Amino acid sequence: MMKINLDHIGRRFNQEWIFKDVNYVFESGKSYAILGSNGAGKSTILQVISGSLSSTTGSISYFKNDILLDADSVFKYLSLVAPYLDLIEEFTLMELIDFHFSFKNYKKGLNRDYLIELMGLKRSESKAIKNFSSGMKQRVKLALAFCSDTEMILLDEPASNLDKQGIEWYLTLVEKYCSDRILIICSNQLQEYSFCTNQLNISDYK
């Protein structure tokens, strides 16, 4: 059981507050949509939650089974997919999967062959990532995140570069792999978060 506690957090760039005084709790088994217009601060607060950015004010705490986690170890417990995070283009698909899972564990019962089939990329397993289309790359990012044994999945614009079939595939991943995890989605596209049972509008915290 994981829990993320945001305690009066705020983030400022220069003299401008992106958001401030956010109090919120994220818990395992629940899905959350962080909403707001372009430039509202959705990606920024997701980076703060992931630990890749610090908050200007307030604090963020992570608990597993009610035990406080060291903030420096939080990366072990989360998977992050975002447009600003690139794949290693020189690797083949097989090499990239093996590299990724040298840092993360597979969800129970999964392996490299299963992931490649899940992505629908069997014919491209020996192809360099740099030769993948943007849609193929997004499939790789999402499959790596959902199939890693992590308690938290953080997604920023998860359906970007996906066609209609790809979006349906993404929704299948959510249904199959997220029932017991914290799922946080930053989006302003309903198709990406329509299933989320909780919503946090970042525009309310200006």
N, C-alpha and C. Protein backbone atom coordinates (compact mmCIF):
# COMPACT_ATOMS: atom_id res chain seq x y z
N MET A 1 0.85 -1.19 0.00
CA MET A 1 0.00 0.00 0.00
C MET A 1 0.89 1.24 0.00
N MET A 2 0.78 2.03 -1.05
CA MET A 2 1.57 3.25 -1.17
C MET A 2 0.68 4.47 -0.93
N LYS A 3 1.32 5.52 -0.44
CA LYS A 3 0.63 6.79 -0.26
C LYS A 3 1.61 7.93 -0.51
N ILE A 4 1.15 8.95 -1.23
CA ILE A 4 1.93 10.17 -1.46
C ILE A 4 1.16 11.31 -0.82
N ASN A 5 1.84 12.05 0.04
CA ASN A 5 1.19 13.16 0.75
C ASN A 5 1.82 14.49 0.35
N LEU A 6 1.04 15.34 -0.29
CA LEU A 6 1.47 16.68 -0.64
C LEU A 6 1.01 17.64 0.46
N ASP A 7 1.95 18.32 1.09
CA ASP A 7 1.65 19.18 2.23
C ASP A 7 2.01 20.63 1.91
N HIS A 8 1.01 21.38 1.46
CA HIS A 8 1.18 22.80 1.15
C HIS A 8 2.32 23.05 0.15
N ILE A 9 2.43 22.20 -0.87
CA ILE A 9 3.55 22.38 -1.80
C ILE A 9 3.25 23.49 -2.81
N GLY A 10 4.31 24.16 -3.22
CA GLY A 10 4.23 25.19 -4.25
C GLY A 10 5.51 25.19 -5.04
N ARG A 11 5.43 25.68 -6.27
CA ARG A 11 6.62 25.77 -7.13
C ARG A 11 6.61 27.12 -7.83
N ARG A 12 7.74 27.80 -7.76
CA ARG A 12 7.87 29.12 -8.35
C ARG A 12 9.05 29.14 -9.31
N PHE A 13 8.87 29.76 -10.47
CA PHE A 13 9.95 30.03 -11.39
C PHE A 13 10.15 31.53 -11.43
N ASN A 14 11.36 31.97 -11.10
CA ASN A 14 11.63 33.40 -10.94
C ASN A 14 10.63 33.97 -9.93
N GLN A 15 9.83 34.94 -10.32
CA GLN A 15 8.86 35.51 -9.37
C GLN A 15 7.44 35.00 -9.59
N GLU A 16 7.28 34.09 -10.52
CA GLU A 16 5.93 33.61 -10.86
C GLU A 16 5.64 32.26 -10.21
N TRP A 17 4.51 32.18 -9.51
CA TRP A 17 4.08 30.92 -8.93
C TRP A 17 3.39 30.08 -10.01
N ILE A 18 3.90 28.87 -10.22
CA ILE A 18 3.25 27.93 -11.14
C ILE A 18 2.02 27.33 -10.45
N PHE A 19 2.19 26.97 -9.19
CA PHE A 19 1.09 26.55 -8.32
C PHE A 19 1.55 26.76 -6.89
N LYS A 20 0.60 26.83 -5.97
CA LYS A 20 0.97 27.01 -4.57
C LYS A 20 -0.10 26.45 -3.65
N ASP A 21 0.36 26.06 -2.47
CA ASP A 21 -0.52 25.59 -1.39
C ASP A 21 -1.37 24.39 -1.81
N VAL A 22 -0.72 23.41 -2.42
CA VAL A 22 -1.44 22.18 -2.83
C VAL A 22 -1.38 21.17 -1.69
N ASN A 23 -2.54 20.79 -1.18
CA ASN A 23 -2.66 19.71 -0.20
C ASN A 23 -3.42 18.57 -0.86
N TYR A 24 -2.81 17.41 -0.89
CA TYR A 24 -3.48 16.30 -1.59
C TYR A 24 -2.83 14.99 -1.16
N VAL A 25 -3.61 13.91 -1.23
CA VAL A 25 -3.12 12.58 -0.90
C VAL A 25 -3.45 11.63 -2.04
N PHE A 26 -2.45 10.90 -2.51
CA PHE A 26 -2.63 9.87 -3.53
C PHE A 26 -2.44 8.51 -2.86
N GLU A 27 -3.33 7.55 -3.20
CA GLU A 27 -3.27 6.24 -2.55
C GLU A 27 -3.35 5.11 -3.57
N SER A 28 -2.78 3.98 -3.20
CA SER A 28 -2.81 2.79 -4.05
C SER A 28 -4.24 2.38 -4.38
N GLY A 29 -4.40 1.86 -5.59
CA GLY A 29 -5.70 1.37 -6.03
C GLY A 29 -6.61 2.46 -6.55
N LYS A 30 -6.09 3.68 -6.67
CA LYS A 30 -6.91 4.79 -7.15
C LYS A 30 -6.24 5.47 -8.33
N SER A 31 -7.06 6.08 -9.18
CA SER A 31 -6.54 6.78 -10.36
C SER A 31 -6.86 8.26 -10.26
N TYR A 32 -5.90 9.08 -10.68
CA TYR A 32 -6.01 10.53 -10.51
C TYR A 32 -5.67 11.24 -11.81
N ALA A 33 -6.49 12.21 -12.17
CA ALA A 33 -6.21 13.05 -13.32
C ALA A 33 -5.81 14.44 -12.83
N ILE A 34 -4.64 14.91 -13.25
CA ILE A 34 -4.23 16.28 -12.99
C ILE A 34 -4.55 17.09 -14.23
N LEU A 35 -5.47 18.02 -14.08
CA LEU A 35 -6.04 18.74 -15.22
C LEU A 35 -5.58 20.19 -15.24
N GLY A 36 -5.76 20.81 -16.40
CA GLY A 36 -5.41 22.22 -16.57
C GLY A 36 -5.06 22.50 -18.01
N SER A 37 -5.16 23.74 -18.40
CA SER A 37 -4.84 24.12 -19.77
C SER A 37 -3.34 24.00 -20.02
N ASN A 38 -2.93 24.11 -21.29
CA ASN A 38 -1.51 24.08 -21.62
C ASN A 38 -0.78 25.20 -20.88
N GLY A 39 0.32 24.85 -20.25
CA GLY A 39 1.10 25.83 -19.51
C GLY A 39 0.62 26.08 -18.10
N ALA A 40 -0.40 25.34 -17.65
CA ALA A 40 -0.96 25.58 -16.32
C ALA A 40 -0.06 25.06 -15.20
N GLY A 41 0.82 24.09 -15.52
CA GLY A 41 1.72 23.54 -14.51
C GLY A 41 1.56 22.07 -14.25
N LYS A 42 0.82 21.37 -15.12
CA LYS A 42 0.59 19.94 -14.93
C LYS A 42 1.90 19.16 -14.93
N SER A 43 2.74 19.40 -15.93
CA SER A 43 4.01 18.68 -16.01
C SER A 43 4.92 19.03 -14.85
N THR A 44 4.86 20.28 -14.41
CA THR A 44 5.72 20.70 -13.30
C THR A 44 5.35 19.97 -12.02
N ILE A 45 4.07 19.90 -11.70
CA ILE A 45 3.70 19.21 -10.46
C ILE A 45 3.97 17.71 -10.56
N LEU A 46 3.87 17.14 -11.76
CA LEU A 46 4.21 15.72 -11.91
C LEU A 46 5.69 15.50 -11.66
N GLN A 47 6.53 16.42 -12.12
CA GLN A 47 7.96 16.30 -11.86
C GLN A 47 8.28 16.46 -10.38
N VAL A 48 7.53 17.31 -9.70
CA VAL A 48 7.71 17.43 -8.24
C VAL A 48 7.30 16.13 -7.55
N ILE A 49 6.18 15.56 -7.96
CA ILE A 49 5.72 14.30 -7.36
C ILE A 49 6.73 13.18 -7.61
N SER A 50 7.34 13.17 -8.79
CA SER A 50 8.30 12.11 -9.13
C SER A 50 9.65 12.30 -8.44
N GLY A 51 9.88 13.50 -7.90
CA GLY A 51 11.15 13.77 -7.24
C GLY A 51 12.21 14.37 -8.14
N SER A 52 11.89 14.59 -9.42
CA SER A 52 12.89 15.16 -10.33
C SER A 52 12.97 16.68 -10.21
N LEU A 53 11.98 17.30 -9.58
CA LEU A 53 12.03 18.72 -9.23
C LEU A 53 11.69 18.86 -7.75
N SER A 54 12.28 19.83 -7.10
CA SER A 54 11.92 20.10 -5.70
C SER A 54 10.83 21.15 -5.66
N SER A 55 10.04 21.13 -4.61
CA SER A 55 9.03 22.17 -4.43
C SER A 55 9.69 23.40 -3.80
N THR A 56 9.18 24.57 -4.13
CA THR A 56 9.69 25.80 -3.54
C THR A 56 9.24 25.94 -2.10
N THR A 57 8.01 25.55 -1.83
CA THR A 57 7.47 25.58 -0.48
C THR A 57 6.77 24.26 -0.19
N GLY A 58 6.55 23.97 1.09
CA GLY A 58 5.85 22.76 1.48
C GLY A 58 6.73 21.52 1.41
N SER A 59 6.11 20.38 1.57
CA SER A 59 6.86 19.12 1.57
C SER A 59 6.03 18.00 0.95
N ILE A 60 6.72 16.99 0.49
CA ILE A 60 6.07 15.82 -0.08
C ILE A 60 6.63 14.58 0.60
N SER A 61 5.75 13.68 1.01
CA SER A 61 6.15 12.48 1.73
C SER A 61 5.60 11.25 1.03
N TYR A 62 6.36 10.17 1.09
CA TYR A 62 5.98 8.91 0.46
C TYR A 62 5.97 7.82 1.54
N PHE A 63 4.92 7.03 1.54
CA PHE A 63 4.79 5.98 2.53
C PHE A 63 4.51 4.65 1.84
N LYS A 64 5.15 3.60 2.33
CA LYS A 64 4.81 2.25 1.90
C LYS A 64 4.46 1.45 3.14
N ASN A 65 3.23 0.95 3.16
CA ASN A 65 2.72 0.24 4.34
C ASN A 65 2.90 1.08 5.60
N ASP A 66 2.60 2.39 5.45
CA ASP A 66 2.65 3.37 6.54
C ASP A 66 4.06 3.65 7.04
N ILE A 67 5.08 3.20 6.32
CA ILE A 67 6.46 3.49 6.68
C ILE A 67 6.99 4.58 5.75
N LEU A 68 7.53 5.64 6.34
CA LEU A 68 8.04 6.77 5.56
C LEU A 68 9.26 6.34 4.76
N LEU A 69 9.25 6.63 3.46
CA LEU A 69 10.36 6.27 2.58
C LEU A 69 11.36 7.42 2.50
N ASP A 70 12.62 7.07 2.32
CA ASP A 70 13.66 8.06 2.03
C ASP A 70 13.38 8.63 0.65
N ALA A 71 13.32 9.95 0.55
CA ALA A 71 12.99 10.60 -0.72
C ALA A 71 13.95 10.20 -1.84
N ASP A 72 15.20 9.91 -1.49
CA ASP A 72 16.19 9.54 -2.50
C ASP A 72 15.95 8.15 -3.09
N SER A 73 15.11 7.36 -2.45
CA SER A 73 14.84 6.00 -2.93
C SER A 73 13.52 5.87 -3.67
N VAL A 74 12.78 6.98 -3.78
CA VAL A 74 11.43 6.93 -4.33
C VAL A 74 11.42 6.46 -5.79
N PHE A 75 12.48 6.79 -6.53
CA PHE A 75 12.53 6.41 -7.94
C PHE A 75 12.37 4.91 -8.14
N LYS A 76 12.73 4.12 -7.14
CA LYS A 76 12.60 2.67 -7.25
C LYS A 76 11.14 2.23 -7.32
N TYR A 77 10.26 3.07 -6.82
CA TYR A 77 8.86 2.69 -6.68
C TYR A 77 7.96 3.27 -7.77
N LEU A 78 8.53 4.02 -8.70
CA LEU A 78 7.67 4.67 -9.69
C LEU A 78 8.15 4.46 -11.12
N SER A 79 7.20 4.55 -12.03
CA SER A 79 7.45 4.57 -13.47
C SER A 79 6.90 5.89 -14.00
N LEU A 80 7.67 6.55 -14.86
CA LEU A 80 7.27 7.86 -15.38
C LEU A 80 7.35 7.84 -16.90
N VAL A 81 6.26 8.28 -17.53
CA VAL A 81 6.22 8.43 -18.99
C VAL A 81 5.86 9.88 -19.29
N ALA A 82 6.70 10.55 -20.08
CA ALA A 82 6.46 11.96 -20.40
C ALA A 82 7.10 12.30 -21.74
N PRO A 83 6.55 13.29 -22.45
CA PRO A 83 7.12 13.67 -23.75
C PRO A 83 8.56 14.13 -23.67
N TYR A 84 8.98 14.68 -22.53
CA TYR A 84 10.33 15.21 -22.39
C TYR A 84 11.35 14.15 -21.96
N LEU A 85 10.90 12.92 -21.78
CA LEU A 85 11.81 11.81 -21.46
C LEU A 85 12.03 10.97 -22.72
N ASP A 86 13.26 10.93 -23.18
CA ASP A 86 13.56 10.25 -24.43
C ASP A 86 14.09 8.84 -24.19
N LEU A 87 13.84 7.97 -25.15
CA LEU A 87 14.43 6.64 -25.16
C LEU A 87 15.86 6.72 -25.72
N ILE A 88 16.65 5.71 -25.44
CA ILE A 88 18.02 5.67 -25.96
C ILE A 88 17.96 5.20 -27.41
N GLU A 89 18.16 6.12 -28.32
CA GLU A 89 17.89 5.88 -29.74
C GLU A 89 18.82 4.84 -30.37
N GLU A 90 20.04 4.71 -29.83
CA GLU A 90 21.01 3.80 -30.45
C GLU A 90 20.73 2.33 -30.14
N PHE A 91 19.96 2.07 -29.09
CA PHE A 91 19.65 0.69 -28.70
C PHE A 91 18.63 0.08 -29.65
N THR A 92 18.71 -1.23 -29.83
CA THR A 92 17.60 -1.95 -30.44
C THR A 92 16.51 -2.11 -29.39
N LEU A 93 15.34 -2.52 -29.83
CA LEU A 93 14.26 -2.71 -28.88
C LEU A 93 14.64 -3.73 -27.80
N MET A 94 15.23 -4.83 -28.19
CA MET A 94 15.63 -5.85 -27.22
C MET A 94 16.66 -5.29 -26.24
N GLU A 95 17.63 -4.54 -26.74
CA GLU A 95 18.65 -3.95 -25.88
C GLU A 95 18.04 -2.94 -24.91
N LEU A 96 17.09 -2.16 -25.40
CA LEU A 96 16.45 -1.15 -24.54
C LEU A 96 15.66 -1.81 -23.41
N ILE A 97 14.93 -2.86 -23.74
CA ILE A 97 14.17 -3.57 -22.71
C ILE A 97 15.11 -4.15 -21.66
N ASP A 98 16.18 -4.80 -22.11
CA ASP A 98 17.13 -5.39 -21.16
C ASP A 98 17.79 -4.31 -20.30
N PHE A 99 18.10 -3.17 -20.89
CA PHE A 99 18.70 -2.07 -20.13
C PHE A 99 17.73 -1.55 -19.08
N HIS A 100 16.49 -1.33 -19.49
CA HIS A 100 15.47 -0.83 -18.56
C HIS A 100 15.31 -1.77 -17.37
N PHE A 101 15.25 -3.06 -17.64
CA PHE A 101 15.00 -4.02 -16.56
C PHE A 101 16.28 -4.45 -15.84
N SER A 102 17.37 -3.78 -16.12
CA SER A 102 18.54 -3.90 -15.24
C SER A 102 18.38 -2.95 -14.04
N PHE A 103 17.42 -2.02 -14.14
CA PHE A 103 17.15 -1.08 -13.05
C PHE A 103 15.80 -1.37 -12.37
N LYS A 104 14.87 -1.92 -13.11
CA LYS A 104 13.54 -2.24 -12.59
C LYS A 104 13.32 -3.75 -12.66
N ASN A 105 12.38 -4.23 -11.87
CA ASN A 105 11.96 -5.62 -11.96
C ASN A 105 10.70 -5.72 -12.83
N TYR A 106 10.56 -6.84 -13.51
CA TYR A 106 9.32 -7.11 -14.24
C TYR A 106 8.18 -7.36 -13.25
N LYS A 107 6.96 -6.99 -13.65
CA LYS A 107 5.82 -7.47 -12.90
C LYS A 107 5.81 -9.00 -12.97
N LYS A 108 5.30 -9.61 -11.95
CA LYS A 108 5.36 -11.06 -11.82
C LYS A 108 4.81 -11.76 -13.06
N GLY A 109 5.59 -12.70 -13.58
CA GLY A 109 5.16 -13.51 -14.72
C GLY A 109 5.48 -12.94 -16.08
N LEU A 110 6.03 -11.72 -16.13
CA LEU A 110 6.33 -11.08 -17.41
C LEU A 110 7.80 -11.21 -17.77
N ASN A 111 8.11 -11.10 -19.06
CA ASN A 111 9.49 -11.15 -19.52
C ASN A 111 9.61 -10.37 -20.83
N ARG A 112 10.81 -10.36 -21.39
CA ARG A 112 11.07 -9.56 -22.59
C ARG A 112 10.21 -9.98 -23.77
N ASP A 113 10.09 -11.27 -24.01
CA ASP A 113 9.29 -11.74 -25.14
C ASP A 113 7.84 -11.31 -25.00
N TYR A 114 7.32 -11.38 -23.78
CA TYR A 114 5.94 -10.95 -23.55
C TYR A 114 5.78 -9.47 -23.87
N LEU A 115 6.74 -8.65 -23.43
CA LEU A 115 6.65 -7.21 -23.67
C LEU A 115 6.64 -6.89 -25.16
N ILE A 116 7.50 -7.56 -25.92
CA ILE A 116 7.58 -7.29 -27.35
C ILE A 116 6.26 -7.65 -28.04
N GLU A 117 5.67 -8.77 -27.62
CA GLU A 117 4.36 -9.15 -28.17
C GLU A 117 3.29 -8.14 -27.74
N LEU A 118 3.36 -7.70 -26.50
CA LEU A 118 2.39 -6.74 -25.98
C LEU A 118 2.44 -5.43 -26.77
N MET A 119 3.64 -5.01 -27.13
CA MET A 119 3.81 -3.78 -27.90
C MET A 119 3.37 -3.95 -29.36
N GLY A 120 3.27 -5.19 -29.81
CA GLY A 120 2.97 -5.45 -31.22
C GLY A 120 4.16 -5.15 -32.11
N LEU A 121 5.38 -5.34 -31.58
CA LEU A 121 6.59 -4.94 -32.29
C LEU A 121 7.56 -6.11 -32.52
N LYS A 122 7.03 -7.31 -32.66
CA LYS A 122 7.87 -8.48 -32.84
C LYS A 122 8.79 -8.33 -34.06
N ARG A 123 8.27 -7.76 -35.13
CA ARG A 123 9.08 -7.62 -36.34
C ARG A 123 10.16 -6.55 -36.20
N SER A 124 10.08 -5.76 -35.16
CA SER A 124 11.03 -4.65 -34.97
C SER A 124 11.93 -4.85 -33.77
N GLU A 125 11.99 -6.07 -33.23
CA GLU A 125 12.74 -6.29 -31.99
C GLU A 125 14.24 -6.04 -32.14
N SER A 126 14.77 -6.19 -33.36
CA SER A 126 16.21 -5.96 -33.59
C SER A 126 16.49 -4.63 -34.28
N LYS A 127 15.46 -3.82 -34.42
CA LYS A 127 15.60 -2.52 -35.07
C LYS A 127 16.00 -1.46 -34.04
N ALA A 128 16.85 -0.52 -34.44
CA ALA A 128 17.24 0.57 -33.55
C ALA A 128 16.05 1.48 -33.27
N ILE A 129 15.96 1.96 -32.03
CA ILE A 129 14.86 2.82 -31.62
C ILE A 129 14.79 4.08 -32.49
N LYS A 130 15.94 4.56 -32.96
CA LYS A 130 15.95 5.79 -33.78
C LYS A 130 15.16 5.62 -35.07
N ASN A 131 14.92 4.38 -35.48
CA ASN A 131 14.16 4.12 -36.70
C ASN A 131 12.68 3.85 -36.43
N PHE A 132 12.26 3.98 -35.17
CA PHE A 132 10.85 3.79 -34.81
C PHE A 132 10.07 5.07 -35.10
N SER A 133 8.80 4.91 -35.42
CA SER A 133 7.91 6.06 -35.54
C SER A 133 7.61 6.61 -34.14
N SER A 134 7.04 7.81 -34.08
CA SER A 134 6.71 8.40 -32.78
C SER A 134 5.67 7.55 -32.04
N GLY A 135 4.74 6.96 -32.78
CA GLY A 135 3.74 6.10 -32.16
C GLY A 135 4.35 4.83 -31.58
N MET A 136 5.30 4.25 -32.30
CA MET A 136 5.99 3.06 -31.80
C MET A 136 6.77 3.38 -30.53
N LYS A 137 7.44 4.51 -30.52
CA LYS A 137 8.20 4.92 -29.33
C LYS A 137 7.27 5.09 -28.13
N GLN A 138 6.09 5.66 -28.36
CA GLN A 138 5.15 5.85 -27.25
C GLN A 138 4.67 4.51 -26.72
N ARG A 139 4.45 3.57 -27.60
CA ARG A 139 4.08 2.22 -27.15
C ARG A 139 5.17 1.61 -26.27
N VAL A 140 6.42 1.80 -26.67
CA VAL A 140 7.55 1.27 -25.89
C VAL A 140 7.56 1.90 -24.50
N LYS A 141 7.45 3.23 -24.45
CA LYS A 141 7.47 3.93 -23.16
C LYS A 141 6.37 3.42 -22.23
N LEU A 142 5.17 3.30 -22.77
CA LEU A 142 4.04 2.89 -21.95
C LEU A 142 4.18 1.44 -21.48
N ALA A 143 4.59 0.55 -22.36
CA ALA A 143 4.73 -0.86 -21.99
C ALA A 143 5.80 -1.04 -20.92
N LEU A 144 6.91 -0.33 -21.05
CA LEU A 144 7.96 -0.42 -20.04
C LEU A 144 7.44 0.03 -18.68
N ALA A 145 6.66 1.10 -18.66
CA ALA A 145 6.13 1.62 -17.40
C ALA A 145 5.13 0.66 -16.76
N PHE A 146 4.15 0.22 -17.54
CA PHE A 146 3.10 -0.61 -16.99
C PHE A 146 3.60 -1.99 -16.57
N CYS A 147 4.63 -2.49 -17.23
CA CYS A 147 5.10 -3.85 -16.97
C CYS A 147 6.25 -3.90 -15.98
N SER A 148 6.65 -2.75 -15.46
CA SER A 148 7.63 -2.71 -14.38
C SER A 148 6.93 -2.90 -13.04
N ASP A 149 7.61 -3.54 -12.12
CA ASP A 149 7.03 -3.82 -10.81
C ASP A 149 7.19 -2.60 -9.91
N THR A 150 6.40 -1.57 -10.19
CA THR A 150 6.44 -0.33 -9.42
C THR A 150 5.05 -0.03 -8.88
N GLU A 151 5.02 0.62 -7.73
CA GLU A 151 3.74 0.90 -7.08
C GLU A 151 3.07 2.16 -7.60
N MET A 152 3.82 3.01 -8.32
CA MET A 152 3.27 4.26 -8.82
C MET A 152 3.55 4.39 -10.31
N ILE A 153 2.55 4.80 -11.07
CA ILE A 153 2.73 5.09 -12.49
C ILE A 153 2.30 6.53 -12.73
N LEU A 154 3.22 7.34 -13.26
CA LEU A 154 2.97 8.74 -13.53
C LEU A 154 3.05 8.96 -15.03
N LEU A 155 1.97 9.47 -15.61
CA LEU A 155 1.87 9.61 -17.06
C LEU A 155 1.57 11.06 -17.44
N ASP A 156 2.37 11.60 -18.33
CA ASP A 156 2.15 12.95 -18.84
C ASP A 156 1.77 12.82 -20.32
N GLU A 157 0.54 13.19 -20.65
CA GLU A 157 0.03 13.07 -22.02
C GLU A 157 0.28 11.68 -22.61
N PRO A 158 -0.26 10.64 -21.97
CA PRO A 158 0.08 9.26 -22.36
C PRO A 158 -0.34 8.84 -23.76
N ALA A 159 -1.37 9.48 -24.33
CA ALA A 159 -1.83 9.09 -25.66
C ALA A 159 -1.20 9.91 -26.78
N SER A 160 -0.23 10.75 -26.45
CA SER A 160 0.41 11.55 -27.49
C SER A 160 1.07 10.63 -28.51
N ASN A 161 0.87 10.91 -29.78
CA ASN A 161 1.43 10.15 -30.91
C ASN A 161 0.76 8.80 -31.14
N LEU A 162 -0.30 8.50 -30.40
CA LEU A 162 -1.01 7.24 -30.60
C LEU A 162 -2.22 7.45 -31.49
N ASP A 163 -2.45 6.52 -32.41
CA ASP A 163 -3.66 6.56 -33.22
C ASP A 163 -4.81 5.93 -32.44
N LYS A 164 -5.98 5.83 -33.06
CA LYS A 164 -7.15 5.31 -32.36
C LYS A 164 -6.90 3.91 -31.79
N GLN A 165 -6.28 3.06 -32.59
CA GLN A 165 -5.97 1.70 -32.12
C GLN A 165 -4.99 1.75 -30.95
N GLY A 166 -4.01 2.65 -31.03
CA GLY A 166 -3.04 2.80 -29.95
C GLY A 166 -3.67 3.28 -28.66
N ILE A 167 -4.64 4.17 -28.77
CA ILE A 167 -5.34 4.66 -27.57
C ILE A 167 -6.12 3.53 -26.92
N GLU A 168 -6.78 2.71 -27.72
CA GLU A 168 -7.50 1.57 -27.18
C GLU A 168 -6.54 0.60 -26.49
N TRP A 169 -5.37 0.43 -27.07
CA TRP A 169 -4.33 -0.42 -26.47
C TRP A 169 -3.87 0.14 -25.13
N TYR A 170 -3.67 1.45 -25.07
CA TYR A 170 -3.29 2.12 -23.82
C TYR A 170 -4.34 1.91 -22.74
N LEU A 171 -5.61 2.06 -23.09
CA LEU A 171 -6.68 1.87 -22.13
C LEU A 171 -6.74 0.44 -21.63
N THR A 172 -6.39 -0.51 -22.49
CA THR A 172 -6.32 -1.91 -22.07
C THR A 172 -5.21 -2.12 -21.04
N LEU A 173 -4.07 -1.46 -21.24
CA LEU A 173 -2.98 -1.54 -20.26
C LEU A 173 -3.42 -1.02 -18.90
N VAL A 174 -4.12 0.10 -18.91
CA VAL A 174 -4.60 0.68 -17.66
C VAL A 174 -5.49 -0.32 -16.93
N GLU A 175 -6.44 -0.89 -17.65
CA GLU A 175 -7.38 -1.83 -17.04
C GLU A 175 -6.68 -3.08 -16.50
N LYS A 176 -5.66 -3.52 -17.22
CA LYS A 176 -5.02 -4.80 -16.89
C LYS A 176 -3.98 -4.67 -15.78
N TYR A 177 -3.29 -3.52 -15.72
CA TYR A 177 -2.11 -3.45 -14.87
C TYR A 177 -2.16 -2.40 -13.75
N CYS A 178 -3.29 -1.72 -13.55
CA CYS A 178 -3.27 -0.60 -12.61
C CYS A 178 -4.21 -0.71 -11.42
N SER A 179 -4.86 -1.82 -11.24
CA SER A 179 -5.89 -1.89 -10.20
C SER A 179 -5.34 -1.69 -8.80
N ASP A 180 -4.08 -2.07 -8.57
CA ASP A 180 -3.53 -2.00 -7.21
C ASP A 180 -2.43 -0.94 -7.07
N ARG A 181 -2.34 -0.02 -8.03
CA ARG A 181 -1.26 0.96 -8.01
C ARG A 181 -1.81 2.38 -7.91
N ILE A 182 -0.92 3.32 -7.62
CA ILE A 182 -1.27 4.73 -7.76
C ILE A 182 -1.06 5.09 -9.23
N LEU A 183 -2.09 5.58 -9.87
CA LEU A 183 -1.99 6.02 -11.26
C LEU A 183 -2.32 7.50 -11.33
N ILE A 184 -1.36 8.30 -11.80
CA ILE A 184 -1.55 9.74 -11.91
C ILE A 184 -1.32 10.14 -13.37
N ILE A 185 -2.30 10.83 -13.95
CA ILE A 185 -2.24 11.20 -15.36
C ILE A 185 -2.40 12.71 -15.50
N CYS A 186 -1.43 13.34 -16.15
CA CYS A 186 -1.54 14.76 -16.50
C CYS A 186 -2.07 14.87 -17.92
N SER A 187 -3.17 15.60 -18.08
CA SER A 187 -3.78 15.64 -19.40
C SER A 187 -4.82 16.74 -19.50
N ASN A 188 -5.09 17.17 -20.73
CA ASN A 188 -6.30 17.94 -20.99
C ASN A 188 -7.11 17.29 -22.11
N GLN A 189 -6.86 15.99 -22.33
CA GLN A 189 -7.58 15.21 -23.33
C GLN A 189 -8.41 14.13 -22.62
N LEU A 190 -9.71 14.23 -22.70
CA LEU A 190 -10.59 13.34 -21.94
C LEU A 190 -10.31 11.87 -22.21
N GLN A 191 -9.94 11.53 -23.43
CA GLN A 191 -9.70 10.13 -23.77
C GLN A 191 -8.55 9.52 -22.98
N GLU A 192 -7.67 10.36 -22.44
CA GLU A 192 -6.52 9.87 -21.68
C GLU A 192 -6.84 9.59 -20.23
N TYR A 193 -7.91 10.22 -19.70
CA TYR A 193 -8.15 10.11 -18.26
C TYR A 193 -9.61 9.88 -17.89
N SER A 194 -10.47 9.57 -18.85
CA SER A 194 -11.90 9.49 -18.59
C SER A 194 -12.25 8.47 -17.50
N PHE A 195 -11.41 7.48 -17.29
CA PHE A 195 -11.64 6.43 -16.30
C PHE A 195 -11.20 6.84 -14.90
N CYS A 196 -10.49 7.96 -14.76
CA CYS A 196 -9.96 8.36 -13.46
C CYS A 196 -11.09 8.73 -12.50
N THR A 197 -11.01 8.26 -11.29
CA THR A 197 -12.06 8.49 -10.30
C THR A 197 -11.81 9.73 -9.46
N ASN A 198 -10.62 10.34 -9.59
CA ASN A 198 -10.29 11.54 -8.83
C ASN A 198 -9.64 12.56 -9.76
N GLN A 199 -9.93 13.83 -9.52
CA GLN A 199 -9.38 14.89 -10.36
C GLN A 199 -8.81 16.01 -9.51
N LEU A 200 -7.67 16.53 -9.96
CA LEU A 200 -7.01 17.66 -9.33
C LEU A 200 -6.75 18.69 -10.42
N ASN A 201 -7.43 19.84 -10.34
CA ASN A 201 -7.25 20.87 -11.35
C ASN A 201 -6.19 21.86 -10.87
N ILE A 202 -5.06 21.87 -11.54
CA ILE A 202 -3.94 22.69 -11.10
C ILE A 202 -4.25 24.19 -11.15
N SER A 203 -5.24 24.56 -11.97
CA SER A 203 -5.62 25.97 -12.08
C SER A 203 -6.26 26.49 -10.79
N ASP A 204 -6.68 25.59 -9.92
CA ASP A 204 -7.27 26.00 -8.65
C ASP A 204 -6.22 26.42 -7.62
N TYR A 205 -4.94 26.28 -7.98
CA TYR A 205 -3.87 26.51 -7.00
C TYR A 205 -2.91 27.59 -7.48
N LYS A 206 -3.43 28.66 -8.01
CA LYS A 206 -2.61 29.77 -8.50
C LYS A 206 -2.45 30.85 -7.43
